[in-house]
């Protein structure tokens, strides 16, 4: 797909390496308002229980009915107030949390751009994104699942302590002691959850890893007689997961039981105290039922402490990821990101790069880890508008070369010039806005076909989208879709075959009108006839007019380990594994680092 890192040139990205502000579970203003409303809802429930007890006991004494009217009205009022305040609390707290989630996702995704792909290890980008989405959700959920219940409990508990202390100071002291013990039990619950949670997550990850291995490599495992061994791995993973789940469940159950025990103890102590007080029997009933009513405020703390532990773990994982050193350094973030007249061939056409761009490297080297050279030294010149295939064995640096050309990875040595200018002397965004990247796993978003294309150029109209789809060989697909460009793709919508996904990525590159198109194994998973057809459509990029003025032919660099359609390119550059004692000179057959072959 067209790389998210190479966004439209009109979008000003966060400076490379910038770090979004950290927001943990500390409540926002909206969350505090929600907590106060939740406290009123909880207090109403507590008051409903206590007042109902007073009313039942007082009614048993058969007083004049008029003396009960106030309590009757109070019971009805508290009964109505509780759901009203609870609903209001839900609206307020969820609105604040959703707003915070949107802001944090935007900031986090921007911070991930300079880390991609060099700092993400061997994890697939989809796995990283899924993990970040889940962690952000857990972290922001703490606004609703932790802050609101805690604030509500504090508010309702404070009102209960004040009321009982006013009526009977000894009972007020019991309620205060209950509050202290509940706080201690809550801290213990967080500790138990935090200690067991990493083990559960690791066990779940191992089950998923083994399950995915068995599902994806079932044929190979059976062929080598390893299926029984793999089943043993899966059984061991499930046993470990069961053990970890039991441990964390025991901690949660212990915390919940302790809450009930301390409430029961508070009720018993309160009953012993009020038996000797010189107050009316209905008042004694009210005082005894107050600790019971407090259970409404305490019960949510079990899930709140669980959510707090998850939020802490999620925040730590997000921090560990975003604190990584970016793979690219932008030394010129103070310069404008729009193209200037001095860019020469990299000028724009109606706000979009319209002319081809020359790609040139000199003694270029690059490393993913800094510990060894993964590419080069490499000398390579790709004239503007030409089409080049880069091939070679695994480990020779093909994908590393594309990462450097796309400004996803800084060179460790040598120079890289795009459109005649050294990319390290330009803002990163200026280089990225000239490059479209299509990889071997084009991502299909769960939205309409139009929206899947529009991310390449948001201001494109339907005619331009249609022409890009036609140029990529997807005209028949569009005609067959029930709702045309409005047909929903991906999860919950229309699925795409491997060839259609590859063509979708190429259509995005068509629509982007960027002068350089980089492709990383776009046909790796396709059968030879389909792969050849896709490459044929690719090589026609820019040769067919897409509007009244036509579109300049982009510079195309295709990385592949297959020969399908290689004869359609201007030349083939073969890379070999890096050797530090010789530079690579494509064009000199037999050179230890690279050989330039004519199109076959």
Protein backbone atom coordinates (compact mmCIF):
# COMPACT_ATOMS: atom_id res chain seq x y z
CA UNK A 1 0.00 0.00 0.00
CA UNK A 2 1.03 3.58 -0.24
CA UNK A 3 3.03 4.17 2.91
CA UNK A 4 1.44 6.14 5.71
CA UNK A 5 4.82 7.69 6.23
CA UNK A 6 4.59 9.28 2.80
CA UNK A 7 1.53 11.36 3.50
CA UNK A 8 0.04 13.99 1.23
CA UNK A 9 2.31 17.03 0.88
CA UNK A 10 -0.33 19.37 2.26
CA UNK A 11 -0.29 17.62 5.63
CA UNK A 12 2.27 18.97 8.08
CA UNK A 13 3.51 16.11 10.20
CA UNK A 14 4.79 16.24 13.73
CA UNK A 15 8.58 16.78 13.66
CA UNK A 16 10.43 13.50 13.40
CA UNK A 17 11.21 12.11 16.82
CA UNK A 18 8.59 14.21 18.62
CA UNK A 19 6.97 12.50 21.55
CA UNK A 20 3.25 12.87 22.36
CA UNK A 21 2.39 14.08 25.82
CA UNK A 22 1.92 11.38 28.38
CA UNK A 23 -1.53 11.00 29.83
CA UNK A 24 -1.89 8.13 32.21
CA UNK A 25 -5.05 7.59 34.31
CA UNK A 26 -4.93 11.03 35.89
CA UNK A 27 -8.50 12.33 35.49
CA UNK A 28 -9.37 15.06 33.03
CA UNK A 29 -11.84 17.82 33.88
CA UNK A 30 -14.64 15.91 32.13
CA UNK A 31 -13.77 12.77 34.05
CA UNK A 32 -13.85 14.65 37.35
CA UNK A 33 -17.32 15.97 36.51
CA UNK A 34 -18.38 12.45 35.65
CA UNK A 35 -16.95 11.18 38.95
CA UNK A 36 -18.84 13.81 40.92
CA UNK A 37 -22.06 12.88 39.15
CA UNK A 38 -21.28 9.22 39.80
CA UNK A 39 -20.74 10.07 43.45
CA UNK A 40 -24.18 11.66 43.61
CA UNK A 41 -25.67 8.57 41.95
CA UNK A 42 -23.93 6.27 44.42
CA UNK A 43 -24.90 8.48 47.35
CA UNK A 44 -28.50 8.39 46.16
CA UNK A 45 -28.39 4.60 46.16
CA UNK A 46 -26.90 4.54 49.65
CA UNK A 47 -29.48 7.03 50.88
CA UNK A 48 -32.23 4.93 49.28
CA UNK A 49 -31.11 1.85 51.24
CA UNK A 50 -30.68 3.65 54.55
CA UNK A 51 -33.92 5.64 54.26
CA UNK A 52 -35.85 2.53 53.26
CA UNK A 53 -34.59 0.78 56.41
CA UNK A 54 -35.63 3.73 58.56
CA UNK A 55 -39.07 3.78 56.88
CA UNK A 56 -39.69 0.05 57.35
CA UNK A 57 -38.76 0.12 61.02
CA UNK A 58 -40.71 3.32 61.68
CA UNK A 59 -43.77 1.95 59.86
CA UNK A 60 -43.66 -1.15 62.08
CA UNK A 61 -44.33 1.15 65.04
CA UNK A 62 -47.66 2.17 63.39
CA UNK A 63 -47.29 5.93 63.67
CA UNK A 64 -49.67 8.47 62.17
CA UNK A 65 -49.26 8.12 58.41
CA UNK A 66 -48.46 11.82 58.00
CA UNK A 67 -45.23 11.29 59.96
CA UNK A 68 -44.02 8.89 57.20
CA UNK A 69 -44.74 11.09 54.21
CA UNK A 70 -41.35 12.81 54.28
CA UNK A 71 -39.51 9.47 54.27
CA UNK A 72 -41.80 8.12 51.54
CA UNK A 73 -41.07 11.12 49.32
CA UNK A 74 -37.34 10.80 50.09
CA UNK A 75 -37.35 7.12 49.05
CA UNK A 76 -39.00 8.01 45.75
CA UNK A 77 -36.61 10.92 45.20
CA UNK A 78 -33.50 8.84 45.82
CA UNK A 79 -34.90 6.05 43.65
CA UNK A 80 -35.34 8.44 40.72
CA UNK A 81 -32.13 10.38 41.34
CA UNK A 82 -29.84 7.34 41.19
CA UNK A 83 -30.48 6.37 37.51
CA UNK A 84 -30.68 10.01 36.44
CA UNK A 85 -27.28 10.88 37.90
CA UNK A 86 -25.82 7.57 36.64
CA UNK A 87 -26.96 8.27 33.09
CA UNK A 88 -25.60 11.82 33.28
CA UNK A 89 -22.31 10.47 34.60
CA UNK A 90 -22.06 8.01 31.70
CA UNK A 91 -22.61 10.74 29.11
CA UNK A 92 -20.08 13.08 30.69
CA UNK A 93 -17.28 10.60 31.44
CA UNK A 94 -17.53 8.68 28.15
CA UNK A 95 -17.55 11.89 26.13
CA UNK A 96 -14.36 13.01 27.88
CA UNK A 97 -12.72 9.60 27.45
CA UNK A 98 -13.56 9.33 23.75
CA UNK A 99 -12.17 12.81 23.13
CA UNK A 100 -8.96 11.90 24.94
CA UNK A 101 -8.70 8.60 23.05
CA UNK A 102 -8.94 10.38 19.69
CA UNK A 103 -6.28 12.91 20.69
CA UNK A 104 -3.90 10.27 22.05
CA UNK A 105 -4.29 8.02 19.02
CA UNK A 106 -3.47 10.89 16.69
CA UNK A 107 -0.38 11.88 18.67
CA UNK A 108 0.77 8.28 19.06
CA UNK A 109 0.38 7.43 15.37
CA UNK A 110 2.40 10.52 14.44
CA UNK A 111 5.12 9.46 16.88
CA UNK A 112 5.15 5.95 15.37
CA UNK A 113 5.90 7.22 11.85
CA UNK A 114 9.64 7.86 12.40
CA UNK A 115 9.94 4.50 14.17
CA UNK A 116 8.60 2.56 11.19
CA UNK A 117 9.89 0.07 10.21
CA UNK A 118 13.41 0.10 11.65
CA UNK A 119 12.47 0.33 15.32
CA UNK A 120 9.61 -2.15 15.37
CA UNK A 121 11.73 -5.28 15.43
CA UNK A 122 10.46 -8.38 13.70
CA UNK A 123 6.83 -7.70 14.55
CA UNK A 124 4.48 -7.06 11.68
CA UNK A 125 3.21 -3.50 11.47
CA UNK A 126 -0.35 -4.76 11.82
CA UNK A 127 0.59 -6.51 15.08
CA UNK A 128 2.28 -3.38 16.37
CA UNK A 129 -0.70 -1.23 15.44
CA UNK A 130 -3.15 -3.68 17.02
CA UNK A 131 -1.10 -3.74 20.22
CA UNK A 132 -0.90 0.05 20.33
CA UNK A 133 -4.64 0.39 19.73
CA UNK A 134 -5.41 -2.09 22.53
CA UNK A 135 -2.94 -0.46 24.93
CA UNK A 136 -4.27 3.03 24.22
CA UNK A 137 -7.81 1.79 24.77
CA UNK A 138 -6.88 0.24 28.11
CA UNK A 139 -5.00 3.36 29.17
CA UNK A 140 -7.81 5.74 28.29
CA UNK A 141 -10.46 3.37 29.66
CA UNK A 142 -8.90 4.06 33.03
CA UNK A 143 -10.55 7.48 32.85
CA UNK A 144 -13.94 5.74 33.02
CA UNK A 145 -13.08 2.48 34.77
CA UNK A 146 -10.72 3.85 37.43
CA UNK A 147 -11.07 7.58 37.93
CA UNK A 148 -14.86 7.71 37.87
CA UNK A 149 -15.44 4.82 40.35
CA UNK A 150 -12.72 6.09 42.70
CA UNK A 151 -14.05 9.65 42.68
CA UNK A 152 -17.61 8.35 43.10
CA UNK A 153 -16.58 6.18 46.05
CA UNK A 154 -14.73 9.07 47.70
CA UNK A 155 -17.70 11.41 47.29
CA UNK A 156 -20.32 8.91 48.44
CA UNK A 157 -18.11 7.61 51.25
CA UNK A 158 -17.38 11.13 52.46
CA UNK A 159 -21.09 11.90 52.63
CA UNK A 160 -21.72 8.66 54.54
CA UNK A 161 -18.96 9.40 57.06
CA UNK A 162 -20.23 12.97 57.55
CA UNK A 163 -23.85 11.83 58.05
CA UNK A 164 -23.04 9.06 60.52
CA UNK A 165 -20.57 11.26 62.42
CA UNK A 166 -23.28 13.90 62.80
CA UNK A 167 -25.85 11.43 64.11
CA UNK A 168 -23.51 9.19 66.11
CA UNK A 169 -19.77 10.07 66.27
CA UNK A 170 -18.70 6.52 67.26
CA UNK A 171 -20.38 5.14 64.14
CA UNK A 172 -18.70 7.88 62.11
CA UNK A 173 -15.34 6.60 63.35
CA UNK A 174 -16.28 3.08 62.26
CA UNK A 175 -17.13 4.38 58.80
CA UNK A 176 -13.83 6.27 58.64
CA UNK A 177 -11.95 3.10 59.63
CA UNK A 178 -13.89 1.22 56.95
CA UNK A 179 -12.73 3.76 54.38
CA UNK A 180 -9.09 3.32 55.40
CA UNK A 181 -9.29 -0.48 55.22
CA UNK A 182 -10.99 -0.31 51.81
CA UNK A 183 -8.14 1.87 50.55
CA UNK A 184 -5.58 -0.66 51.82
CA UNK A 185 -7.45 -3.58 50.22
CA UNK A 186 -7.63 -1.63 46.96
CA UNK A 187 -3.86 -1.13 46.99
CA UNK A 188 -3.41 -4.86 47.63
CA UNK A 189 -5.74 -5.67 44.73
CA UNK A 190 -3.70 -3.51 42.38
CA UNK A 191 -0.49 -5.18 43.51
CA UNK A 192 -1.87 -8.70 43.03
CA UNK A 193 -3.22 -7.84 39.58
CA UNK A 194 -0.01 -6.15 38.48
CA UNK A 195 2.13 -9.10 39.57
CA UNK A 196 0.02 -11.70 37.75
CA UNK A 197 -0.92 -9.73 34.64
CA UNK A 198 2.45 -10.01 32.78
CA UNK A 199 2.36 -13.78 33.20
CA UNK A 200 -1.15 -13.97 31.77
CA UNK A 201 -0.27 -11.76 28.81
CA UNK A 202 2.87 -13.77 28.07
CA UNK A 203 0.92 -17.03 28.26
CA UNK A 204 -1.75 -15.71 25.90
CA UNK A 205 0.89 -14.51 23.47
CA UNK A 206 2.52 -17.95 23.49
CA UNK A 207 -0.81 -19.65 22.78
CA UNK A 208 -1.42 -17.27 19.88
CA UNK A 209 2.10 -17.76 18.55
CA UNK A 210 1.91 -21.56 18.56
CA UNK A 211 -1.63 -21.55 17.18
CA UNK A 212 -0.64 -19.25 14.32
CA UNK A 213 2.42 -21.39 13.59
CA UNK A 214 0.34 -24.54 13.42
CA UNK A 215 -2.35 -22.93 11.29
CA UNK A 216 0.05 -21.35 8.81
CA UNK A 217 2.56 -24.23 8.62
CA UNK A 218 0.23 -27.20 8.99
CA UNK A 219 1.34 -28.87 5.76
CA UNK A 220 5.03 -28.44 6.48
CA UNK A 221 4.67 -29.74 10.05
CA UNK A 222 2.87 -32.87 8.87
CA UNK A 223 5.42 -33.39 6.09
CA UNK A 224 8.33 -33.47 8.54
CA UNK A 225 6.40 -35.38 11.21
CA UNK A 226 6.33 -32.46 13.58
CA UNK A 227 2.57 -32.19 14.10
CA UNK A 228 2.57 -34.17 17.36
CA UNK A 229 5.43 -32.06 18.68
CA UNK A 230 3.55 -28.87 17.79
CA UNK A 231 0.46 -30.19 19.58
CA UNK A 232 2.63 -30.73 22.63
CA UNK A 233 3.79 -27.12 22.43
CA UNK A 234 0.18 -25.99 22.24
CA UNK A 235 -0.81 -28.14 25.24
CA UNK A 236 2.06 -26.71 27.27
CA UNK A 237 1.06 -23.19 26.30
CA UNK A 238 -2.54 -23.82 27.37
CA UNK A 239 -1.42 -25.29 30.68
CA UNK A 240 0.72 -22.22 31.35
CA UNK A 241 -2.20 -19.96 30.43
CA UNK A 242 -4.55 -21.88 32.72
CA UNK A 243 -2.06 -21.63 35.60
CA UNK A 244 -1.60 -17.89 35.08
CA UNK A 245 -5.36 -17.33 34.76
CA UNK A 246 -6.05 -19.21 37.98
CA UNK A 247 -3.43 -17.14 39.76
CA UNK A 248 -4.83 -13.81 38.65
CA UNK A 249 -8.40 -14.97 39.31
CA UNK A 250 -7.44 -15.98 42.84
CA UNK A 251 -6.09 -12.49 43.45
CA UNK A 252 -9.26 -10.86 42.19
CA UNK A 253 -11.47 -13.19 44.21
CA UNK A 254 -9.40 -12.54 47.34
CA UNK A 255 -9.78 -8.78 46.93
CA UNK A 256 -13.54 -9.07 46.40
CA UNK A 257 -13.87 -11.33 49.44
CA UNK A 258 -11.86 -8.94 51.62
CA UNK A 259 -14.18 -6.09 50.66
CA UNK A 260 -17.17 -8.15 51.82
CA UNK A 261 -15.42 -9.20 55.00
CA UNK A 262 -14.55 -5.64 56.03
CA UNK A 263 -18.09 -4.45 55.25
CA UNK A 264 -19.51 -7.31 57.35
CA UNK A 265 -17.17 -6.42 60.17
CA UNK A 266 -18.23 -2.78 59.94
CA UNK A 267 -21.90 -3.79 60.15
CA UNK A 268 -21.25 -5.98 63.21
CA UNK A 269 -19.28 -3.25 65.00
CA UNK A 270 -21.90 -0.63 64.12
CA UNK A 271 -24.71 -2.88 65.41
CA UNK A 272 -22.83 -3.35 68.68
CA UNK A 273 -22.32 0.40 69.05
CA UNK A 274 -25.87 1.52 68.22
CA UNK A 275 -27.41 -1.00 70.62
CA UNK A 276 -26.18 1.14 73.46
CA UNK A 277 -27.03 4.53 71.93
CA UNK A 278 -29.90 6.58 73.23
CA UNK A 279 -31.56 7.12 69.84
CA UNK A 280 -34.82 6.03 68.29
CA UNK A 281 -35.04 2.50 66.90
CA UNK A 282 -35.57 3.69 63.27
CA UNK A 283 -32.39 5.75 63.57
CA UNK A 284 -30.54 2.68 64.82
CA UNK A 285 -31.75 0.82 61.73
CA UNK A 286 -30.51 3.65 59.53
CA UNK A 287 -27.07 3.57 61.15
CA UNK A 288 -26.73 -0.22 60.89
CA UNK A 289 -27.77 -0.24 57.23
CA UNK A 290 -25.34 2.54 56.28
CA UNK A 291 -22.27 0.20 56.06
CA UNK A 292 -24.40 -2.20 54.00
CA UNK A 293 -25.38 0.64 51.67
CA UNK A 294 -21.71 1.55 51.28
CA UNK A 295 -21.27 -1.77 49.47
CA UNK A 296 -22.69 -0.05 46.37
CA UNK A 297 -19.70 2.27 46.41
CA UNK A 298 -17.12 -0.40 47.25
CA UNK A 299 -18.09 -3.15 44.82
CA UNK A 300 -16.95 -1.29 41.65
CA UNK A 301 -13.46 -0.91 43.16
CA UNK A 302 -12.62 -4.54 42.34
CA UNK A 303 -12.91 -3.93 38.60
CA UNK A 304 -11.42 -0.45 39.02
CA UNK A 305 -8.21 -1.82 40.54
CA UNK A 306 -8.03 -4.42 37.78
CA UNK A 307 -8.37 -1.69 35.16
CA UNK A 308 -5.74 0.40 36.97
CA UNK A 309 -3.18 -2.42 36.78
CA UNK A 310 -3.95 -2.94 33.07
CA UNK A 311 -3.66 0.79 32.41
CA UNK A 312 -0.28 0.98 34.10
CA UNK A 313 1.02 -1.94 32.07
CA UNK A 314 -0.39 -0.46 28.86
CA UNK A 315 1.15 2.93 29.53
CA UNK A 316 4.52 1.31 30.21
CA UNK A 317 4.40 -0.60 26.92
CA UNK A 318 3.43 2.55 25.00
CA UNK A 319 6.23 4.51 26.67
CA UNK A 320 8.77 1.76 25.94
CA UNK A 321 7.79 1.82 22.26
CA UNK A 322 7.63 5.57 21.74
CA UNK A 323 10.81 6.23 23.72
CA UNK A 324 12.83 4.35 21.09
CA UNK A 325 15.29 6.40 19.10
CA UNK A 326 13.74 7.26 15.69
CA UNK A 327 15.16 5.59 12.60
CA UNK A 328 15.38 8.93 10.82
CA UNK A 329 16.67 12.27 12.04
CA UNK A 330 15.26 15.51 10.71
CA UNK A 331 17.85 18.27 11.08
CA UNK A 332 15.81 20.80 9.10
CA UNK A 333 12.38 20.77 10.71
CA UNK A 334 12.37 24.57 10.79
CA UNK A 335 12.32 24.74 7.00
CA UNK A 336 9.03 24.84 5.07
CA UNK A 337 7.74 21.50 3.79
CA UNK A 338 6.50 22.84 0.46
CA UNK A 339 8.59 22.45 -2.67
CA UNK A 340 10.69 25.39 -3.77
CA UNK A 341 11.72 26.53 -7.19
CA UNK A 342 15.22 25.29 -6.56
CA UNK A 343 14.01 21.70 -6.42
CA UNK A 344 14.30 21.43 -10.16
CA UNK A 345 12.75 18.28 -11.43
CA UNK A 346 10.85 17.81 -8.22
CA UNK A 347 8.42 20.59 -8.92
CA UNK A 348 4.72 20.22 -8.29
CA UNK A 349 1.70 20.18 -10.48
CA UNK A 350 -1.49 21.49 -8.93
CA UNK A 351 -0.03 20.85 -5.51
CA UNK A 352 1.17 17.35 -6.33
CA UNK A 353 4.53 16.17 -7.54
CA UNK A 354 4.12 15.77 -11.27
CA UNK A 355 7.52 15.05 -12.75
CA UNK A 356 9.83 12.10 -12.42
CA UNK A 357 12.67 12.14 -9.91
CA UNK A 358 16.21 10.91 -10.33
CA UNK A 359 17.43 8.60 -7.59
CA UNK A 360 21.17 8.45 -7.00
CA UNK A 361 23.28 6.89 -4.25
CA UNK A 362 27.03 7.04 -3.77
CA UNK A 363 28.90 4.61 -1.48
CA UNK A 364 25.59 4.19 0.36
CA UNK A 365 25.54 2.00 3.45
CA UNK A 366 22.77 1.36 5.95
CA UNK A 367 22.18 -0.66 9.09
CA UNK A 368 19.02 -1.59 10.94
CA UNK A 369 20.75 -2.04 14.30
CA UNK A 370 23.98 -0.10 13.95
CA UNK A 371 25.93 -3.25 14.76
CA UNK A 372 26.49 -4.47 11.23
CA UNK A 373 26.11 -3.24 7.67
CA UNK A 374 22.91 -4.46 6.02
CA UNK A 375 23.39 -2.64 2.72
CA UNK A 376 26.28 -1.57 0.55
CA UNK A 377 28.44 0.29 -0.03
CA UNK A 378 26.24 0.88 -3.08
CA UNK A 379 26.50 3.21 -6.06
CA UNK A 380 23.22 3.38 -7.94
CA UNK A 381 21.75 5.86 -10.43
CA UNK A 382 18.13 5.57 -11.53
CA UNK A 383 17.31 8.29 -14.09
CA UNK A 384 14.04 10.14 -13.80
CA UNK A 385 11.18 8.19 -15.36
CA UNK A 386 13.11 4.92 -15.66
CA UNK A 387 12.06 1.53 -14.33
CA UNK A 388 14.51 -0.66 -12.43
CA UNK A 389 14.23 -4.09 -10.86
CA UNK A 390 16.38 -4.77 -7.80
CA UNK A 391 16.95 -8.44 -7.07
CA UNK A 392 19.32 -10.66 -5.14
CA UNK A 393 19.46 -13.32 -2.42
CA UNK A 394 17.95 -12.93 1.01
CA UNK A 395 20.04 -10.67 3.19
CA UNK A 396 21.58 -8.68 0.36
CA UNK A 397 19.82 -5.46 1.42
CA UNK A 398 16.93 -5.13 -1.03
CA UNK A 399 14.34 -4.06 1.54
CA UNK A 400 16.99 -2.01 3.35
CA UNK A 401 17.60 -0.08 0.13
CA UNK A 402 13.89 0.71 -0.22
CA UNK A 403 13.73 1.81 3.43
CA UNK A 404 16.55 4.29 2.82
CA UNK A 405 15.03 5.54 -0.46
CA UNK A 406 11.65 6.06 1.27
CA UNK A 407 13.34 7.90 4.19
CA UNK A 408 12.25 5.24 6.65
CA UNK A 409 15.88 4.59 7.60
CA UNK A 410 18.86 6.94 7.73
CA UNK A 411 21.99 5.98 5.76
CA UNK A 412 24.90 5.01 7.95
CA UNK A 413 27.35 6.20 5.29
CA UNK A 414 27.54 7.64 1.78
CA UNK A 415 24.99 9.91 0.14
CA UNK A 416 21.46 9.62 -1.21
CA UNK A 417 20.24 12.29 -3.61
CA UNK A 418 16.66 12.60 -4.82
CA UNK A 419 15.86 14.99 -7.68
CA UNK A 420 19.42 16.31 -7.41
CA UNK A 421 19.28 17.24 -3.72
CA UNK A 422 20.80 15.48 -0.74
CA UNK A 423 17.85 14.11 1.24
CA UNK A 424 19.65 14.63 4.55
CA UNK A 425 19.64 18.37 3.87
CA UNK A 426 15.87 18.41 3.36
CA UNK A 427 13.02 18.10 5.83
CA UNK A 428 12.01 14.45 5.98
CA UNK A 429 8.48 15.30 4.87
CA UNK A 430 9.75 16.88 1.65
CA UNK A 431 11.30 13.58 0.64
CA UNK A 432 8.45 11.40 1.80
CA UNK A 433 5.85 13.42 -0.07
CA UNK A 434 7.64 12.52 -3.31
CA UNK A 435 7.63 8.78 -2.69
CA UNK A 436 4.84 6.21 -2.86
CA UNK A 437 5.56 2.83 -1.27
CA UNK A 438 3.76 -0.40 -2.19
CA UNK A 439 4.66 -3.43 -0.11
CA UNK A 440 3.86 -7.13 -0.24
CA UNK A 441 0.87 -6.89 2.11
CA UNK A 442 -1.36 -4.09 0.93
CA UNK A 443 -3.62 -3.19 3.83
CA UNK A 444 -7.34 -3.03 3.13
CA UNK A 445 -9.18 -0.75 5.55
CA UNK A 446 -12.66 -1.68 6.68
CA UNK A 447 -14.29 1.12 4.74
CA UNK A 448 -15.42 1.97 1.22
CA UNK A 449 -13.30 1.42 -1.88
CA UNK A 450 -13.28 5.19 -2.41
CA UNK A 451 -11.90 5.83 1.08
CA UNK A 452 -9.29 3.10 0.60
CA UNK A 453 -8.00 5.02 -2.41
CA UNK A 454 -8.49 8.55 -1.06
CA UNK A 455 -5.83 8.10 1.62
CA UNK A 456 -3.26 8.34 -1.21
CA UNK A 457 -4.59 11.77 -2.22
CA UNK A 458 -7.54 13.07 -0.17
CA UNK A 459 -8.49 15.79 -2.69
CA UNK A 460 -8.93 13.34 -5.60
CA UNK A 461 -12.40 13.26 -7.14
CA UNK A 462 -14.30 10.15 -8.23
CA UNK A 463 -13.14 10.44 -11.84
CA UNK A 464 -9.49 10.40 -10.75
CA UNK A 465 -10.13 7.49 -8.40
CA UNK A 466 -11.82 5.58 -11.21
CA UNK A 467 -8.97 6.23 -13.63
CA UNK A 468 -6.42 5.06 -11.05
CA UNK A 469 -8.39 1.84 -10.53
CA UNK A 470 -8.60 1.29 -14.27
CA UNK A 471 -4.88 1.92 -14.70
CA UNK A 472 -4.19 -0.69 -12.01
CA UNK A 473 -6.39 -3.26 -13.75
CA UNK A 474 -9.32 -3.07 -11.33
CA UNK A 475 -12.00 -1.79 -13.72
CA UNK A 476 -13.70 -5.20 -13.82
CA UNK A 477 -13.73 -5.32 -10.03
CA UNK A 478 -15.38 -1.90 -9.77
CA UNK A 479 -18.04 -2.92 -12.33
CA UNK A 480 -18.81 -6.06 -10.33
CA UNK A 481 -19.16 -4.33 -6.96
CA UNK A 482 -22.79 -3.82 -5.89
CA UNK A 483 -22.28 -0.25 -4.69
CA UNK A 484 -19.35 0.74 -6.89
CA UNK A 485 -16.90 3.00 -5.08
CA UNK A 486 -19.15 2.99 -2.01
CA UNK A 487 -18.77 -0.77 -1.51
CA UNK A 488 -17.29 -1.55 1.89
CA UNK A 489 -14.12 -3.65 1.81
CA UNK A 490 -12.21 -5.55 4.46
CA UNK A 491 -13.67 -6.72 7.76
CA UNK A 492 -17.44 -6.95 7.49
CA UNK A 493 -17.36 -6.10 3.78
CA UNK A 494 -16.25 -7.46 0.45
CA UNK A 495 -13.00 -9.42 0.58
CA UNK A 496 -10.21 -9.04 -1.96
CA UNK A 497 -7.99 -11.70 -3.49
CA UNK A 498 -4.22 -11.46 -3.33
CA UNK A 499 -4.04 -10.05 -6.87
CA UNK A 500 -6.76 -7.50 -6.15
CA UNK A 501 -4.96 -6.36 -3.01
CA UNK A 502 -1.71 -5.92 -4.92
CA UNK A 503 -3.52 -3.93 -7.61
CA UNK A 504 -5.20 -1.81 -4.91
CA UNK A 505 -1.76 -0.79 -3.65
CA UNK A 506 -0.69 0.07 -7.20
CA UNK A 507 -3.88 2.07 -7.71
CA UNK A 508 -3.00 4.13 -4.65
CA UNK A 509 0.42 4.80 -6.16
CA UNK A 510 -1.24 5.84 -9.43
CA UNK A 511 -3.56 8.22 -7.62
CA UNK A 512 -0.80 9.75 -5.50
CA UNK A 513 1.00 11.14 -8.61
CA UNK A 514 4.28 10.95 -6.77
CA UNK A 515 7.42 11.06 -8.90
CA UNK A 516 9.04 8.01 -7.28
CA UNK A 517 7.30 4.67 -6.72
CA UNK A 518 9.00 2.02 -4.57
CA UNK A 519 7.65 -1.52 -4.55
CA UNK A 520 8.71 -4.22 -2.10
CA UNK A 521 7.76 -7.70 -3.36
CA UNK A 522 4.25 -6.62 -4.47
CA UNK A 523 3.64 -9.94 -6.28
CA UNK A 524 5.41 -12.24 -3.83
CA UNK A 525 2.25 -14.20 -2.97
CA UNK A 526 0.72 -14.38 -6.45
CA UNK A 527 0.80 -17.14 -9.04
CA UNK A 528 3.05 -16.42 -12.08
CA UNK A 529 0.30 -15.41 -14.56
CA UNK A 530 -1.34 -13.04 -12.05
CA UNK A 531 2.06 -11.67 -11.01
CA UNK A 532 2.96 -10.93 -14.62
CA UNK A 533 -0.37 -9.22 -15.26
CA UNK A 534 0.09 -7.03 -12.19
CA UNK A 535 3.62 -6.06 -13.24
CA UNK A 536 2.41 -5.21 -16.75
CA UNK A 537 -0.12 -2.78 -15.29
CA UNK A 538 2.57 -1.40 -13.02
CA UNK A 539 5.01 -0.67 -15.86
CA UNK A 540 2.33 1.30 -17.70
CA UNK A 541 2.15 3.75 -14.82
CA UNK A 542 2.36 7.27 -16.22
CA UNK A 543 2.33 6.19 -19.86
CA UNK A 544 -1.45 6.45 -20.19
CA UNK A 545 -3.07 9.87 -19.74
CA UNK A 546 -5.06 10.20 -16.55
CA UNK A 547 -6.43 13.66 -17.29
CA UNK A 548 -6.40 16.20 -20.08
CA UNK A 549 -2.71 16.98 -19.56
CA UNK A 550 -1.48 13.47 -18.83
CA UNK A 551 0.82 12.39 -16.02
CA UNK A 552 4.60 12.32 -16.07
CA UNK A 553 6.17 8.87 -15.95
CA UNK A 554 7.36 8.17 -12.40
CA UNK A 555 10.64 6.59 -11.48
CA UNK A 556 9.91 2.99 -10.49
CA UNK A 557 12.14 0.83 -8.30
CA UNK A 558 10.85 -2.72 -7.84
CA UNK A 559 12.39 -5.09 -5.30
CA UNK A 560 11.64 -8.74 -6.00
CA UNK A 561 13.13 -12.21 -5.87
CA UNK A 562 11.06 -13.35 -8.88
CA UNK A 563 11.57 -12.88 -12.60
CA UNK A 564 7.90 -12.27 -13.45
CA UNK A 565 7.77 -9.26 -15.76
CA UNK A 566 11.44 -8.31 -15.29
CA UNK A 567 11.79 -8.05 -19.09
CA UNK A 568 9.33 -5.12 -18.98
CA UNK A 569 11.80 -2.97 -17.02
CA UNK A 570 14.68 -0.90 -18.32
CA UNK A 571 17.29 -2.84 -16.37
CA UNK A 572 17.81 -5.30 -13.56
CA UNK A 573 20.17 -4.52 -10.67
CA UNK A 574 21.38 -7.55 -8.76
CA UNK A 575 22.58 -6.98 -5.22
CA UNK A 576 24.78 -9.30 -3.24
CA UNK A 577 25.34 -9.59 0.45
CA UNK A 578 27.30 -6.64 1.86
CA UNK A 579 31.08 -6.89 1.96
CA UNK A 580 32.87 -4.03 3.65
CA UNK A 581 35.98 -4.01 1.47
CA UNK A 582 34.43 -3.09 -1.92
CA UNK A 583 31.83 -0.54 -3.00
CA UNK A 584 28.91 -1.72 -5.09
CA UNK A 585 28.86 -0.52 -8.68
CA UNK A 586 25.75 -1.69 -10.52
CA UNK A 587 26.64 -1.71 -14.19
CA UNK A 588 29.96 -3.52 -13.77
CA UNK A 589 29.15 -7.19 -14.35
CA UNK A 590 30.92 -9.52 -12.01
CA UNK A 591 31.47 -6.94 -9.27
CA UNK A 592 31.27 -8.60 -5.87
CA UNK A 593 28.43 -6.34 -4.72
CA UNK A 594 26.20 -5.85 -7.68
CA UNK A 595 25.75 -6.48 -11.37
CA UNK A 596 23.61 -4.55 -13.79
CA UNK A 597 21.86 -6.69 -16.36
CA UNK A 598 19.84 -5.49 -19.34
CA UNK A 599 16.15 -6.15 -19.35
CA UNK A 600 15.49 -9.69 -20.46
